[in-house]
Amino acid sequence: MPNPRMEHSIQTSSLADILERVLDKGIVIAGDITISLVNVELLSIKIRLLVASVDKAMEMGINWWESDPYLSSRASHMEEENRLLQERLERLEARLGVAA
């Protein structure tokens, strides 16, 4: 008579697998901290954290790093171009006598 053995199937996930899933789907962590004394709010902190891949974030419409001057060399160029356009617009409005 054969000896039946019980086999366990345990699915293990490595940290890399879990990280890949989180970055692919994204995860949001939200929380609020309020410190009050005698029903007077002294401090209110809102915490919002989104963890996702760059592709997923862009898919969701999040791309703040493209315009952050500390993260993008293109952003500082755009900032300078914007400043020059603002000055040009002010000069044109002054010539036409249009109030800003």
Protein backbone atom coordinates (compact mmCIF):
# COMPACT_ATOMS: atom_id res chain seq x y z
CA MET A 1 0.00 0.00 0.00
CA PRO A 2 1.50 3.33 -1.03
CA ASN A 3 2.30 5.81 1.67
CA PRO A 4 0.19 8.90 0.96
CA ARG A 5 2.11 12.05 1.80
CA MET A 6 0.49 15.32 2.39
CA GLU A 7 2.04 18.06 0.31
CA HIS A 8 1.72 21.70 1.23
CA SER A 9 1.60 24.36 -1.40
CA ILE A 10 2.77 27.65 0.01
CA GLN A 11 3.14 30.51 -2.40
CA THR A 12 6.02 32.68 -1.38
CA SER A 13 6.68 36.11 -2.74
CA SER A 14 10.00 37.80 -2.67
CA LEU A 15 10.36 41.45 -1.83
CA ALA A 16 11.02 42.14 -5.51
CA ASP A 17 7.71 40.49 -6.50
CA ILE A 18 5.78 42.50 -3.94
CA LEU A 19 7.48 45.74 -4.98
CA GLU A 20 6.73 45.02 -8.65
CA ARG A 21 3.05 44.49 -7.86
CA VAL A 22 2.83 47.67 -5.76
CA LEU A 23 4.55 49.77 -8.41
CA ASP A 24 2.40 48.28 -11.17
CA LYS A 25 -0.92 48.89 -9.39
CA GLY A 26 0.01 51.73 -7.06
CA ILE A 27 -0.86 52.13 -3.41
CA VAL A 28 -2.29 55.11 -1.53
CA ILE A 29 -1.79 55.72 2.17
CA ALA A 30 -3.79 58.55 3.70
CA GLY A 31 -4.12 59.80 7.23
CA ASP A 32 -4.93 62.86 9.28
CA ILE A 33 -3.40 63.83 12.61
CA THR A 34 -5.10 66.45 14.74
CA ILE A 35 -3.87 67.76 18.07
CA SER A 36 -6.47 69.56 20.13
CA LEU A 37 -6.58 70.99 23.61
CA VAL A 38 -9.95 71.74 25.22
CA ASN A 39 -11.69 71.46 21.85
CA VAL A 40 -9.29 73.98 20.28
CA GLU A 41 -7.41 72.58 17.31
CA LEU A 42 -3.72 73.36 17.75
CA LEU A 43 -2.23 71.37 14.91
CA SER A 44 -3.61 69.53 11.91
CA ILE A 45 -1.44 67.40 9.64
CA LYS A 46 -2.73 65.72 6.50
CA ILE A 47 -0.58 62.93 5.16
CA ARG A 48 -1.07 61.60 1.64
CA LEU A 49 1.39 59.13 0.16
CA LEU A 50 1.19 57.56 -3.26
CA VAL A 51 3.62 54.83 -4.24
CA ALA A 52 3.60 53.91 -7.92
CA SER A 53 5.90 53.54 -10.89
CA VAL A 54 6.58 56.56 -13.08
CA ASP A 55 4.55 55.00 -15.90
CA LYS A 56 1.58 54.38 -13.62
CA ALA A 57 1.80 57.88 -12.13
CA MET A 58 1.86 59.46 -15.60
CA GLU A 59 -1.09 57.26 -16.57
CA MET A 60 -2.94 58.77 -13.59
CA GLY A 61 -1.98 62.31 -14.67
CA ILE A 62 0.71 62.87 -12.05
CA ASN A 63 3.92 64.38 -13.47
CA TRP A 64 5.03 67.10 -11.05
CA TRP A 65 8.68 66.05 -11.37
CA GLU A 66 8.73 67.29 -14.97
CA SER A 67 8.23 70.89 -13.85
CA ASP A 68 10.19 70.80 -10.60
CA PRO A 69 13.33 72.94 -11.13
CA TYR A 70 15.31 70.78 -8.70
CA LEU A 71 14.57 67.58 -10.60
CA SER A 72 14.53 68.67 -14.23
CA SER A 73 16.92 70.80 -16.24
CA ARG A 74 14.05 71.43 -18.66
CA ALA A 75 11.99 72.95 -15.85
CA SER A 76 14.48 75.74 -15.19
CA HIS A 77 14.48 76.53 -18.92
CA MET A 78 10.68 76.66 -18.89
CA GLU A 79 10.73 78.86 -15.80
CA GLU A 80 13.08 81.33 -17.52
CA GLU A 81 10.99 81.27 -20.70
CA ASN A 82 7.86 81.94 -18.64
CA ARG A 83 9.53 84.91 -16.92
CA LEU A 84 10.57 86.38 -20.29
CA LEU A 85 7.06 85.93 -21.70
CA GLN A 86 5.55 87.63 -18.64
CA GLU A 87 7.87 90.62 -19.10
CA ARG A 88 7.04 90.79 -22.81
CA LEU A 89 3.32 90.69 -22.06
CA GLU A 90 3.65 93.48 -19.50
CA ARG A 91 5.51 95.66 -22.03
CA LEU A 92 2.83 95.05 -24.68
CA GLU A 93 0.02 95.82 -22.24
CA ALA A 94 1.82 99.03 -21.18
CA ARG A 95 2.09 100.13 -24.85
CA LEU A 96 -1.59 99.43 -25.45
CA GLY A 97 -2.63 101.04 -22.19
CA VAL A 98 -4.36 97.89 -21.01
CA ALA A 99 -4.66 97.52 -17.24
CA ALA A 100 -3.24 94.25 -15.95
